[in-house]
Amino acid sequence: MQDYHDFLGEVLISEADLQKRVQELGAQISADYRGSEPLLLLCILRGGVMFLTDLIRHMTVPHMVEFMAVSSYGVGKFESSGSVRITLDLKSDIHNYHVLLVEDIIDSGNTIASVLELLSTRKPKSLEVCTLLDKAERREVFVPIRYTGFSIPNKFVFGYGLDVDEYYRNLPFIGVVDLDKFHPETT
């Protein structure tokens, strides 16, 4: 895999800014859900894991964690494939739970809209969305986002859970891929 320094166009969101905003979101969610048990945080794998683990460190309300894996991107692609597949479904029944869907990034909205439609059929008490990154200018369908970390421009981003061909999720910042310098054939 090509070294990310070779194609890093810019650091869009620094580690310090990420951590500050995640702490603020944790406090806001805690205030909003105080006394609203049972709360279930549903993380969309794999990109949302870093965000989720940092977020729950800043939450003071009792909550459970569940995971779901959804596929709409192919390896090496920079655009959504347009088809959404559930590759790992919930192990828990969410009926009568307050469900907060935790996502790394929402761009076209197609994936998350499909997930929300599926989850709503399972009769949760409430169903809300918390996304670290909102790429609103790419939105094709409406998505009701209750909590947003950052609104970002239409750029291909990576780091802090987001990948480039499954690599670089571990970076503590959000970077932008300079597509003129990215060479997937070296992967």
Foldseek 3Di string as FASTA:
>chain_A
DDDVVQFFPWFPWDLVLLLVLLLVVQVVVQVVCPVPPPEEEEEEPDLQPLSVVSNVVNHDDDYHYWYWYKDQDDAQDQDGVLDIDTPGDTPDQQAAGAYEYEYAEDAQNPHVVVVVVVNVVSHHPHYAYAYAEYQDVRHNDDDHHPHYNYYDHPFRKEECRRDRSPPRPPHSTITGGNVVRDDVVVD
